[in-house]
Amino acid sequence: MVTESDLVDLFEPEEETLWIPIGLPPFVDTLTYQVKPPWADLDLGIDLVRNADRPISEVMTADPATVTPDTDVDEVLDLLSGGEPDINRLPVVDDDGSLVGLIARQDVIRAFRDRRI
């Protein structure tokens, strides 16, 4: 599955990432910041051309989190509200792995809103 994060990663090359070691040596953690040029300086066409010949297998998330139609709502909420990985949409698959739907965070928020009305 190609996720939004997979596509964003295409346009955030590593050479624009600033790695800052934190803690005392040996550094056990780092902070990362994207060094962003102004939007006017970006040329998305160049990035698209640079990535045009890449196989989808290099871009996609190979084993995304999924749920089944019978998955408990609490498990769905845990997946959508967790931090790592940051999941915005959950594929719903049947027993043989076929895609039967998609649950987005927005769907959950709407459902809670509608219950309050």
N, C-alpha and C. Protein backbone atom coordinates (compact mmCIF):
# COMPACT_ATOMS: atom_id res chain seq x y z
N MET A 1 0.84 -1.17 0.00
CA MET A 1 0.00 0.00 0.00
C MET A 1 0.90 1.24 0.00
N VAL A 2 0.56 2.20 -0.81
CA VAL A 2 1.29 3.47 -0.81
C VAL A 2 0.51 4.43 0.09
N THR A 3 1.16 4.86 1.15
CA THR A 3 0.50 5.74 2.12
C THR A 3 0.89 7.19 1.86
N GLU A 4 0.18 8.10 2.50
CA GLU A 4 0.51 9.52 2.40
C GLU A 4 1.94 9.75 2.87
N SER A 5 2.34 9.09 3.94
CA SER A 5 3.72 9.24 4.45
C SER A 5 4.74 8.75 3.43
N ASP A 6 4.42 7.68 2.71
CA ASP A 6 5.33 7.18 1.68
C ASP A 6 5.56 8.25 0.62
N LEU A 7 4.50 8.93 0.21
CA LEU A 7 4.61 9.96 -0.82
C LEU A 7 5.34 11.18 -0.29
N VAL A 8 5.07 11.57 0.95
CA VAL A 8 5.77 12.71 1.55
C VAL A 8 7.27 12.43 1.59
N ASP A 9 7.64 11.20 1.90
CA ASP A 9 9.06 10.84 1.98
C ASP A 9 9.77 11.04 0.64
N LEU A 10 9.05 10.91 -0.47
CA LEU A 10 9.67 11.14 -1.78
C LEU A 10 10.15 12.57 -1.93
N PHE A 11 9.49 13.50 -1.25
CA PHE A 11 9.80 14.92 -1.40
C PHE A 11 10.57 15.48 -0.21
N GLU A 12 11.05 14.61 0.67
CA GLU A 12 11.87 15.03 1.80
C GLU A 12 13.17 14.25 1.78
N PRO A 13 14.06 14.58 0.86
CA PRO A 13 15.30 13.83 0.75
C PRO A 13 16.14 13.95 2.02
N GLU A 14 16.93 12.91 2.28
CA GLU A 14 17.74 12.87 3.49
C GLU A 14 18.73 14.01 3.57
N GLU A 15 19.21 14.51 2.44
CA GLU A 15 20.20 15.58 2.48
C GLU A 15 19.63 16.88 3.04
N GLU A 16 18.32 16.95 3.21
CA GLU A 16 17.70 18.13 3.80
C GLU A 16 17.34 17.92 5.26
N THR A 17 17.83 16.82 5.86
CA THR A 17 17.51 16.52 7.24
C THR A 17 18.69 16.87 8.12
N LEU A 18 18.42 17.57 9.20
CA LEU A 18 19.44 17.95 10.17
C LEU A 18 19.34 16.99 11.35
N TRP A 19 20.41 16.24 11.62
CA TRP A 19 20.43 15.28 12.72
C TRP A 19 21.16 15.91 13.89
N ILE A 20 20.51 15.99 15.03
CA ILE A 20 21.11 16.60 16.21
C ILE A 20 21.21 15.55 17.31
N PRO A 21 22.44 15.13 17.65
CA PRO A 21 22.57 14.15 18.74
C PRO A 21 22.23 14.79 20.07
N ILE A 22 21.53 14.03 20.92
CA ILE A 22 21.19 14.54 22.24
C ILE A 22 21.67 13.57 23.30
N GLY A 23 21.89 14.06 24.50
CA GLY A 23 22.39 13.23 25.58
C GLY A 23 23.91 13.28 25.61
N LEU A 24 24.48 12.57 26.54
CA LEU A 24 25.94 12.52 26.66
C LEU A 24 26.47 11.36 25.83
N PRO A 25 27.73 11.47 25.37
CA PRO A 25 28.28 10.34 24.60
C PRO A 25 28.25 9.08 25.44
N PRO A 26 27.95 7.88 24.90
CA PRO A 26 27.56 7.72 23.50
C PRO A 26 26.14 8.22 23.29
N PHE A 27 25.93 8.96 22.21
CA PHE A 27 24.61 9.53 21.94
C PHE A 27 23.61 8.41 21.73
N VAL A 28 22.58 8.38 22.53
CA VAL A 28 21.59 7.31 22.44
C VAL A 28 20.33 7.75 21.71
N ASP A 29 20.26 9.00 21.36
CA ASP A 29 19.06 9.49 20.68
C ASP A 29 19.43 10.68 19.83
N THR A 30 18.61 10.98 18.86
CA THR A 30 18.82 12.16 18.03
C THR A 30 17.49 12.85 17.81
N LEU A 31 17.55 14.12 17.56
CA LEU A 31 16.39 14.88 17.11
C LEU A 31 16.57 15.11 15.63
N THR A 32 15.50 15.04 14.88
CA THR A 32 15.61 15.30 13.45
C THR A 32 14.69 16.46 13.08
N TYR A 33 15.19 17.32 12.26
CA TYR A 33 14.42 18.45 11.77
C TYR A 33 14.56 18.50 10.26
N GLN A 34 13.48 18.71 9.56
CA GLN A 34 13.53 18.91 8.12
C GLN A 34 13.91 20.35 7.86
N VAL A 35 14.94 20.55 7.07
CA VAL A 35 15.34 21.88 6.66
C VAL A 35 14.56 22.17 5.39
N LYS A 36 13.61 23.05 5.49
CA LYS A 36 12.68 23.29 4.38
C LYS A 36 13.02 24.57 3.63
N PRO A 37 13.24 24.45 2.33
CA PRO A 37 13.38 25.67 1.54
C PRO A 37 12.00 26.30 1.37
N PRO A 38 11.95 27.58 1.06
CA PRO A 38 10.64 28.21 0.81
C PRO A 38 9.92 27.51 -0.33
N TRP A 39 8.57 27.49 -0.29
CA TRP A 39 7.79 26.82 -1.32
C TRP A 39 8.15 27.30 -2.72
N ALA A 40 8.47 28.58 -2.84
CA ALA A 40 8.80 29.12 -4.16
C ALA A 40 10.06 28.47 -4.73
N ASP A 41 10.94 27.94 -3.86
CA ASP A 41 12.19 27.33 -4.32
C ASP A 41 12.04 25.84 -4.65
N LEU A 42 10.90 25.26 -4.31
CA LEU A 42 10.71 23.84 -4.58
C LEU A 42 10.31 23.62 -6.03
N ASP A 43 10.83 22.57 -6.61
CA ASP A 43 10.44 22.19 -7.96
C ASP A 43 9.97 20.75 -7.90
N LEU A 44 8.64 20.57 -7.66
CA LEU A 44 8.10 19.24 -7.52
C LEU A 44 8.23 18.43 -8.81
N GLY A 45 8.29 19.11 -9.94
CA GLY A 45 8.48 18.41 -11.20
C GLY A 45 9.80 17.65 -11.23
N ILE A 46 10.85 18.26 -10.69
CA ILE A 46 12.15 17.58 -10.65
C ILE A 46 12.06 16.35 -9.76
N ASP A 47 11.39 16.48 -8.59
CA ASP A 47 11.23 15.34 -7.70
C ASP A 47 10.42 14.23 -8.37
N LEU A 48 9.39 14.59 -9.12
CA LEU A 48 8.58 13.59 -9.81
C LEU A 48 9.41 12.87 -10.86
N VAL A 49 10.19 13.61 -11.62
CA VAL A 49 11.04 13.00 -12.64
C VAL A 49 12.09 12.12 -11.99
N ARG A 50 12.68 12.59 -10.89
CA ARG A 50 13.72 11.82 -10.20
C ARG A 50 13.18 10.49 -9.69
N ASN A 51 11.90 10.44 -9.34
CA ASN A 51 11.31 9.22 -8.77
C ASN A 51 10.45 8.44 -9.76
N ALA A 52 10.36 8.88 -11.00
CA ALA A 52 9.44 8.27 -11.97
C ALA A 52 9.77 6.81 -12.27
N ASP A 53 11.02 6.45 -12.26
CA ASP A 53 11.41 5.08 -12.63
C ASP A 53 11.54 4.15 -11.42
N ARG A 54 11.26 4.64 -10.24
CA ARG A 54 11.38 3.79 -9.05
C ARG A 54 10.25 2.77 -9.01
N PRO A 55 10.57 1.52 -8.72
CA PRO A 55 9.50 0.54 -8.58
C PRO A 55 8.65 0.86 -7.35
N ILE A 56 7.38 0.57 -7.43
CA ILE A 56 6.46 0.86 -6.34
C ILE A 56 6.89 0.15 -5.06
N SER A 57 7.57 -0.98 -5.20
CA SER A 57 8.02 -1.73 -4.03
C SER A 57 9.02 -0.95 -3.19
N GLU A 58 9.70 0.04 -3.77
CA GLU A 58 10.63 0.87 -3.02
C GLU A 58 9.93 2.01 -2.29
N VAL A 59 8.71 2.30 -2.67
CA VAL A 59 7.99 3.44 -2.12
C VAL A 59 6.93 3.01 -1.11
N MET A 60 6.30 1.88 -1.35
CA MET A 60 5.12 1.47 -0.59
C MET A 60 5.46 0.98 0.82
N THR A 61 4.44 0.96 1.65
CA THR A 61 4.50 0.32 2.95
C THR A 61 4.10 -1.13 2.72
N ALA A 62 5.05 -2.04 2.97
CA ALA A 62 4.84 -3.44 2.61
C ALA A 62 3.82 -4.16 3.49
N ASP A 63 3.76 -3.82 4.75
CA ASP A 63 2.88 -4.54 5.67
C ASP A 63 2.08 -3.54 6.51
N PRO A 64 1.11 -2.86 5.89
CA PRO A 64 0.36 -1.84 6.64
C PRO A 64 -0.55 -2.48 7.69
N ALA A 65 -0.84 -1.69 8.72
CA ALA A 65 -1.83 -2.14 9.72
C ALA A 65 -3.18 -2.26 9.02
N THR A 66 -3.90 -3.33 9.30
CA THR A 66 -5.23 -3.53 8.73
C THR A 66 -6.17 -4.01 9.83
N VAL A 67 -7.46 -3.91 9.55
CA VAL A 67 -8.49 -4.45 10.44
C VAL A 67 -9.46 -5.26 9.59
N THR A 68 -10.29 -6.04 10.26
CA THR A 68 -11.33 -6.80 9.57
C THR A 68 -12.68 -6.16 9.88
N PRO A 69 -13.73 -6.53 9.17
CA PRO A 69 -15.05 -5.97 9.48
C PRO A 69 -15.50 -6.29 10.91
N ASP A 70 -14.92 -7.31 11.53
CA ASP A 70 -15.31 -7.70 12.89
C ASP A 70 -14.41 -7.10 13.97
N THR A 71 -13.43 -6.29 13.58
CA THR A 71 -12.51 -5.72 14.57
C THR A 71 -13.27 -4.83 15.55
N ASP A 72 -12.93 -4.95 16.82
CA ASP A 72 -13.54 -4.16 17.88
C ASP A 72 -13.22 -2.68 17.69
N VAL A 73 -14.18 -1.82 17.97
CA VAL A 73 -14.02 -0.37 17.80
C VAL A 73 -12.85 0.14 18.64
N ASP A 74 -12.66 -0.41 19.83
CA ASP A 74 -11.56 0.05 20.68
C ASP A 74 -10.21 -0.21 20.03
N GLU A 75 -10.07 -1.33 19.32
CA GLU A 75 -8.81 -1.61 18.62
C GLU A 75 -8.59 -0.61 17.48
N VAL A 76 -9.66 -0.28 16.77
CA VAL A 76 -9.57 0.72 15.70
C VAL A 76 -9.13 2.05 16.29
N LEU A 77 -9.75 2.45 17.41
CA LEU A 77 -9.38 3.71 18.05
C LEU A 77 -7.93 3.71 18.51
N ASP A 78 -7.46 2.59 19.04
CA ASP A 78 -6.07 2.49 19.47
C ASP A 78 -5.12 2.68 18.29
N LEU A 79 -5.44 2.06 17.17
CA LEU A 79 -4.58 2.17 15.99
C LEU A 79 -4.57 3.59 15.43
N LEU A 80 -5.74 4.22 15.36
CA LEU A 80 -5.82 5.57 14.78
C LEU A 80 -5.31 6.66 15.71
N SER A 81 -5.24 6.38 17.00
CA SER A 81 -4.81 7.42 17.93
C SER A 81 -3.38 7.18 18.43
N GLY A 82 -2.77 6.07 18.03
CA GLY A 82 -1.40 5.79 18.45
C GLY A 82 -0.42 6.71 17.76
N GLY A 83 0.81 6.68 18.24
CA GLY A 83 1.82 7.58 17.69
C GLY A 83 2.70 6.95 16.63
N GLU A 84 3.12 5.73 16.81
CA GLU A 84 4.03 5.08 15.88
C GLU A 84 3.48 3.75 15.43
N PRO A 85 3.26 3.55 14.18
CA PRO A 85 3.31 4.57 13.14
C PRO A 85 2.07 5.46 13.21
N ASP A 86 2.19 6.65 12.67
CA ASP A 86 1.07 7.60 12.65
C ASP A 86 0.12 7.16 11.54
N ILE A 87 -1.02 6.57 11.94
CA ILE A 87 -1.96 6.01 10.98
C ILE A 87 -3.16 6.94 10.83
N ASN A 88 -3.44 7.35 9.59
CA ASN A 88 -4.59 8.20 9.31
C ASN A 88 -5.76 7.41 8.73
N ARG A 89 -5.44 6.30 8.07
CA ARG A 89 -6.47 5.48 7.43
C ARG A 89 -6.12 4.01 7.63
N LEU A 90 -7.15 3.21 7.89
CA LEU A 90 -6.97 1.78 8.09
C LEU A 90 -7.70 1.00 7.01
N PRO A 91 -6.98 0.20 6.24
CA PRO A 91 -7.67 -0.68 5.29
C PRO A 91 -8.46 -1.74 6.06
N VAL A 92 -9.66 -2.02 5.58
CA VAL A 92 -10.49 -3.09 6.14
C VAL A 92 -10.43 -4.24 5.14
N VAL A 93 -9.96 -5.40 5.61
CA VAL A 93 -9.80 -6.56 4.73
C VAL A 93 -10.62 -7.72 5.26
N ASP A 94 -11.07 -8.58 4.33
CA ASP A 94 -11.81 -9.77 4.76
C ASP A 94 -10.84 -10.90 5.05
N ASP A 95 -11.35 -12.08 5.33
CA ASP A 95 -10.52 -13.20 5.77
C ASP A 95 -9.45 -13.61 4.75
N ASP A 96 -9.71 -13.40 3.47
CA ASP A 96 -8.70 -13.78 2.47
C ASP A 96 -7.77 -12.62 2.12
N GLY A 97 -7.88 -11.49 2.85
CA GLY A 97 -7.00 -10.35 2.63
C GLY A 97 -7.48 -9.37 1.58
N SER A 98 -8.67 -9.58 1.02
CA SER A 98 -9.20 -8.66 0.01
C SER A 98 -9.70 -7.38 0.68
N LEU A 99 -9.39 -6.27 0.06
CA LEU A 99 -9.82 -4.97 0.57
C LEU A 99 -11.33 -4.83 0.44
N VAL A 100 -12.00 -4.51 1.55
CA VAL A 100 -13.46 -4.32 1.51
C VAL A 100 -13.87 -2.92 1.95
N GLY A 101 -12.90 -2.14 2.45
CA GLY A 101 -13.23 -0.78 2.88
C GLY A 101 -12.03 -0.07 3.45
N LEU A 102 -12.27 1.14 3.93
CA LEU A 102 -11.23 1.98 4.49
C LEU A 102 -11.84 2.81 5.61
N ILE A 103 -11.20 2.84 6.76
CA ILE A 103 -11.66 3.67 7.87
C ILE A 103 -10.65 4.79 8.04
N ALA A 104 -11.12 6.02 7.98
CA ALA A 104 -10.26 7.18 8.19
C ALA A 104 -10.54 7.79 9.56
N ARG A 105 -9.57 8.52 10.10
CA ARG A 105 -9.79 9.22 11.37
C ARG A 105 -11.03 10.09 11.28
N GLN A 106 -11.21 10.72 10.15
CA GLN A 106 -12.36 11.60 9.95
C GLN A 106 -13.67 10.83 10.08
N ASP A 107 -13.71 9.58 9.64
CA ASP A 107 -14.91 8.75 9.79
C ASP A 107 -15.25 8.55 11.26
N VAL A 108 -14.23 8.29 12.06
CA VAL A 108 -14.43 8.07 13.50
C VAL A 108 -14.93 9.35 14.17
N ILE A 109 -14.33 10.47 13.81
CA ILE A 109 -14.75 11.76 14.39
C ILE A 109 -16.21 12.06 14.02
N ARG A 110 -16.57 11.82 12.75
CA ARG A 110 -17.96 12.04 12.33
C ARG A 110 -18.92 11.14 13.09
N ALA A 111 -18.53 9.88 13.30
CA ALA A 111 -19.40 8.94 14.01
C ALA A 111 -19.64 9.42 15.44
N PHE A 112 -18.61 9.90 16.11
CA PHE A 112 -18.79 10.43 17.46
C PHE A 112 -19.65 11.68 17.46
N ARG A 113 -19.43 12.54 16.47
CA ARG A 113 -20.25 13.75 16.36
C ARG A 113 -21.72 13.40 16.17
N ASP A 114 -21.98 12.44 15.26
CA ASP A 114 -23.35 12.07 14.97
C ASP A 114 -24.05 11.44 16.15
N ARG A 115 -23.31 10.75 17.00
CA ARG A 115 -23.91 10.15 18.20
C ARG A 115 -24.31 11.21 19.22
N ARG A 116 -23.64 12.36 19.19
CA ARG A 116 -23.91 13.44 20.13
C ARG A 116 -25.12 14.25 19.74
N ILE A 117 -25.48 14.21 18.47
CA ILE A 117 -26.61 15.03 17.97
C ILE A 117 -27.93 14.37 18.33
